[in-house]
Amino acid sequence: MYSTRTHTRLLPVEIIEHLRKGIGSKGQIVHVEVFDSRKPIYVQIPNVLSDNMKSSSKCLGITKLNSHQAESILTFLSGKNVVVATMTSSGKSLCYNVPLLEALSQDLSSCALYLFPTK
């Protein structure tokens, strides 16, 4: 983000302070919390996936998954709805694309509706 006055880059903490003093000065910002980064927990690709899916994943260099990816894939495949809310670059795309590709490989009439909130 750039400051409109000085055209300099702002650090995340400066962006929050800028928002608090500007558009957030009337109580719109009620809480800010900073989380420490966490080490990923890797697990094996679920055995319930078809051999084609496992082979395709391996060809793409995907030999293991983050635990949240495997959990969401298994939950999708069990027929339940899933919401994934994680940090940027945490692998959310695999969480929803793998189950869809698996379903399509089993039944070409399968479909999905992707909804992405505006940023």
C-alpha atoms as a PDB file:
ATOM      1  CA  MET A   1       0.000   0.000   0.000  1.00  0.00           C
ATOM      2  CA  TYR A   2       1.180   3.493  -0.750  1.00  0.00           C
ATOM      3  CA  SER A   3       0.534   6.629   1.264  1.00  0.00           C
ATOM      4  CA  THR A   4      -1.369   9.131  -0.885  1.00  0.00           C
ATOM      5  CA  ARG A   5       0.647  12.035   0.539  1.00  0.00           C
ATOM      6  CA  THR A   6       4.227  10.828   0.334  1.00  0.00           C
ATOM      7  CA  HIS A   7       3.989   7.895  -2.100  1.00  0.00           C
ATOM      8  CA  THR A   8       6.077   5.741   0.223  1.00  0.00           C
ATOM      9  CA  ARG A   9       5.412   2.146   1.089  1.00  0.00           C
ATOM     10  CA  LEU A  10       3.727   1.554   4.430  1.00  0.00           C
ATOM     11  CA  LEU A  11       4.485  -1.354   6.708  1.00  0.00           C
ATOM     12  CA  PRO A  12       1.483  -3.430   7.871  1.00  0.00           C
ATOM     13  CA  VAL A  13       1.527  -1.806  11.310  1.00  0.00           C
ATOM     14  CA  GLU A  14       1.558   1.630   9.633  1.00  0.00           C
ATOM     15  CA  ILE A  15      -1.395   0.664   7.419  1.00  0.00           C
ATOM     16  CA  ILE A  16      -3.428  -0.312  10.486  1.00  0.00           C
ATOM     17  CA  GLU A  17      -2.524   2.938  12.237  1.00  0.00           C
ATOM     18  CA  HIS A  18      -3.390   4.912   9.091  1.00  0.00           C
ATOM     19  CA  LEU A  19      -6.799   3.195   8.949  1.00  0.00           C
ATOM     20  CA  ARG A  20      -7.419   3.770  12.654  1.00  0.00           C
ATOM     21  CA  LYS A  21      -6.774   7.495  12.299  1.00  0.00           C
ATOM     22  CA  GLY A  22      -8.619   7.828   8.998  1.00  0.00           C
ATOM     23  CA  ILE A  23     -11.708   5.874   8.017  1.00  0.00           C
ATOM     24  CA  GLY A  24     -11.562   3.858  11.219  1.00  0.00           C
ATOM     25  CA  SER A  25     -11.539   6.868  13.516  1.00  0.00           C
ATOM     26  CA  LYS A  26     -15.273   6.590  14.218  1.00  0.00           C
ATOM     27  CA  GLY A  27     -15.129   3.150  15.783  1.00  0.00           C
ATOM     28  CA  GLN A  28     -15.230   1.006  12.629  1.00  0.00           C
ATOM     29  CA  ILE A  29     -12.083  -0.813  13.727  1.00  0.00           C
ATOM     30  CA  VAL A  30     -12.891  -2.495  17.009  1.00  0.00           C
ATOM     31  CA  HIS A  31     -10.111  -5.064  17.335  1.00  0.00           C
ATOM     32  CA  VAL A  32      -6.740  -5.833  15.787  1.00  0.00           C
ATOM     33  CA  GLU A  33      -4.866  -9.010  16.571  1.00  0.00           C
ATOM     34  CA  VAL A  34      -1.529 -10.184  15.230  1.00  0.00           C
ATOM     35  CA  PHE A  35      -0.874 -13.910  14.967  1.00  0.00           C
ATOM     36  CA  ASP A  36       2.569 -15.471  14.911  1.00  0.00           C
ATOM     37  CA  SER A  37       3.355 -17.648  11.930  1.00  0.00           C
ATOM     38  CA  ARG A  38       2.987 -21.381  12.393  1.00  0.00           C
ATOM     39  CA  LYS A  39       4.935 -24.237  10.890  1.00  0.00           C
ATOM     40  CA  PRO A  40       2.866 -26.312   8.457  1.00  0.00           C
ATOM     41  CA  ILE A  41       1.816 -29.812   9.427  1.00  0.00           C
ATOM     42  CA  TYR A  42       2.232 -32.130   6.432  1.00  0.00           C
ATOM     43  CA  VAL A  43       0.279 -35.329   5.868  1.00  0.00           C
ATOM     44  CA  GLN A  44       0.094 -37.963   3.163  1.00  0.00           C
ATOM     45  CA  ILE A  45      -2.279 -37.559   0.229  1.00  0.00           C
ATOM     46  CA  PRO A  46      -5.521 -39.301   1.269  1.00  0.00           C
ATOM     47  CA  ASN A  47      -5.856 -42.879   0.047  1.00  0.00           C
ATOM     48  CA  VAL A  48      -9.512 -42.299  -0.830  1.00  0.00           C
ATOM     49  CA  LEU A  49      -8.439 -40.281  -3.883  1.00  0.00           C
ATOM     50  CA  SER A  50      -8.403 -42.145  -7.171  1.00  0.00           C
ATOM     51  CA  ASP A  51      -5.148 -43.453  -8.596  1.00  0.00           C
ATOM     52  CA  ASN A  52      -5.495 -40.888 -11.399  1.00  0.00           C
ATOM     53  CA  MET A  53      -5.705 -38.034  -8.908  1.00  0.00           C
ATOM     54  CA  LYS A  54      -2.766 -39.323  -6.883  1.00  0.00           C
ATOM     55  CA  SER A  55      -0.711 -39.805 -10.048  1.00  0.00           C
ATOM     56  CA  SER A  56      -1.626 -36.347 -11.359  1.00  0.00           C
ATOM     57  CA  SER A  57      -0.691 -34.769  -8.041  1.00  0.00           C
ATOM     58  CA  LYS A  58       2.669 -36.525  -8.099  1.00  0.00           C
ATOM     59  CA  CYS A  59       3.317 -35.305 -11.664  1.00  0.00           C
ATOM     60  CA  LEU A  60       2.649 -31.755 -10.447  1.00  0.00           C
ATOM     61  CA  GLY A  61       5.162 -32.214  -7.626  1.00  0.00           C
ATOM     62  CA  ILE A  62       2.516 -32.569  -4.924  1.00  0.00           C
ATOM     63  CA  THR A  63       3.683 -35.426  -2.733  1.00  0.00           C
ATOM     64  CA  LYS A  64       2.096 -34.359   0.553  1.00  0.00           C
ATOM     65  CA  LEU A  65      -0.562 -31.935   1.729  1.00  0.00           C
ATOM     66  CA  ASN A  66      -0.941 -29.493   4.560  1.00  0.00           C
ATOM     67  CA  SER A  67      -3.202 -30.981   7.213  1.00  0.00           C
ATOM     68  CA  HIS A  68      -5.938 -28.406   6.521  1.00  0.00           C
ATOM     69  CA  GLN A  69      -5.898 -29.353   2.832  1.00  0.00           C
ATOM     70  CA  ALA A  70      -6.273 -33.066   3.519  1.00  0.00           C
ATOM     71  CA  GLU A  71      -8.998 -32.447   6.097  1.00  0.00           C
ATOM     72  CA  SER A  72     -10.997 -30.202   3.778  1.00  0.00           C
ATOM     73  CA  ILE A  73     -10.626 -32.611   0.838  1.00  0.00           C
ATOM     74  CA  LEU A  74     -11.841 -35.540   2.940  1.00  0.00           C
ATOM     75  CA  THR A  75     -14.735 -33.456   4.274  1.00  0.00           C
ATOM     76  CA  PHE A  76     -15.768 -32.395   0.757  1.00  0.00           C
ATOM     77  CA  LEU A  77     -15.584 -35.980  -0.471  1.00  0.00           C
ATOM     78  CA  SER A  78     -17.793 -37.117   2.405  1.00  0.00           C
ATOM     79  CA  GLY A  79     -20.518 -34.833   1.038  1.00  0.00           C
ATOM     80  CA  LYS A  80     -20.298 -32.065   3.621  1.00  0.00           C
ATOM     81  CA  ASN A  81     -19.983 -28.337   3.020  1.00  0.00           C
ATOM     82  CA  VAL A  82     -16.627 -26.749   3.777  1.00  0.00           C
ATOM     83  CA  VAL A  83     -15.432 -23.225   4.433  1.00  0.00           C
ATOM     84  CA  VAL A  84     -11.681 -22.662   4.322  1.00  0.00           C
ATOM     85  CA  ALA A  85     -10.300 -19.429   5.757  1.00  0.00           C
ATOM     86  CA  THR A  86      -6.526 -19.333   5.857  1.00  0.00           C
ATOM     87  CA  MET A  87      -3.706 -16.941   5.142  1.00  0.00           C
ATOM     88  CA  THR A  88      -2.564 -16.057   1.632  1.00  0.00           C
ATOM     89  CA  SER A  89      -0.508 -18.759  -0.106  1.00  0.00           C
ATOM     90  CA  SER A  90      -1.644 -21.499   2.267  1.00  0.00           C
ATOM     91  CA  GLY A  91      -2.988 -23.777  -0.457  1.00  0.00           C
ATOM     92  CA  LYS A  92      -6.715 -23.058  -0.392  1.00  0.00           C
ATOM     93  CA  SER A  93      -6.961 -23.757  -4.131  1.00  0.00           C
ATOM     94  CA  LEU A  94      -6.139 -27.430  -3.597  1.00  0.00           C
ATOM     95  CA  CYS A  95      -8.804 -27.594  -0.892  1.00  0.00           C
ATOM     96  CA  TYR A  96     -11.572 -27.016  -3.421  1.00  0.00           C
ATOM     97  CA  ASN A  97     -10.048 -28.005  -6.763  1.00  0.00           C
ATOM     98  CA  VAL A  98      -8.927 -31.521  -5.798  1.00  0.00           C
ATOM     99  CA  PRO A  99     -12.421 -32.639  -4.689  1.00  0.00           C
ATOM    100  CA  LEU A 100     -13.956 -31.112  -7.822  1.00  0.00           C
ATOM    101  CA  LEU A 101     -11.462 -32.819 -10.134  1.00  0.00           C
ATOM    102  CA  GLU A 102     -12.006 -36.077  -8.251  1.00  0.00           C
ATOM    103  CA  ALA A 103     -15.778 -35.749  -8.670  1.00  0.00           C
ATOM    104  CA  LEU A 104     -15.422 -34.906 -12.369  1.00  0.00           C
ATOM    105  CA  SER A 105     -13.188 -37.930 -12.907  1.00  0.00           C
ATOM    106  CA  GLN A 106     -15.944 -40.123 -11.471  1.00  0.00           C
ATOM    107  CA  ASP A 107     -18.948 -38.363 -13.057  1.00  0.00           C
ATOM    108  CA  LEU A 108     -18.632 -35.867 -15.915  1.00  0.00           C
ATOM    109  CA  SER A 109     -22.031 -34.397 -15.061  1.00  0.00           C
ATOM    110  CA  SER A 110     -20.681 -33.187 -11.712  1.00  0.00           C
ATOM    111  CA  CYS A 111     -20.502 -29.451 -11.242  1.00  0.00           C
ATOM    112  CA  ALA A 112     -19.465 -26.828  -8.734  1.00  0.00           C
ATOM    113  CA  LEU A 113     -20.273 -23.224  -7.991  1.00  0.00           C
ATOM    114  CA  TYR A 114     -17.268 -21.128  -6.962  1.00  0.00           C
ATOM    115  CA  LEU A 115     -18.064 -18.006  -4.919  1.00  0.00           C
ATOM    116  CA  PHE A 116     -15.252 -15.633  -4.053  1.00  0.00           C
ATOM    117  CA  PRO A 117     -15.895 -12.606  -1.841  1.00  0.00           C
ATOM    118  CA  THR A 118     -14.729  -9.258  -3.126  1.00  0.00           C
ATOM    119  CA  LYS A 119     -11.531  -7.958  -1.627  1.00  0.00           C
END
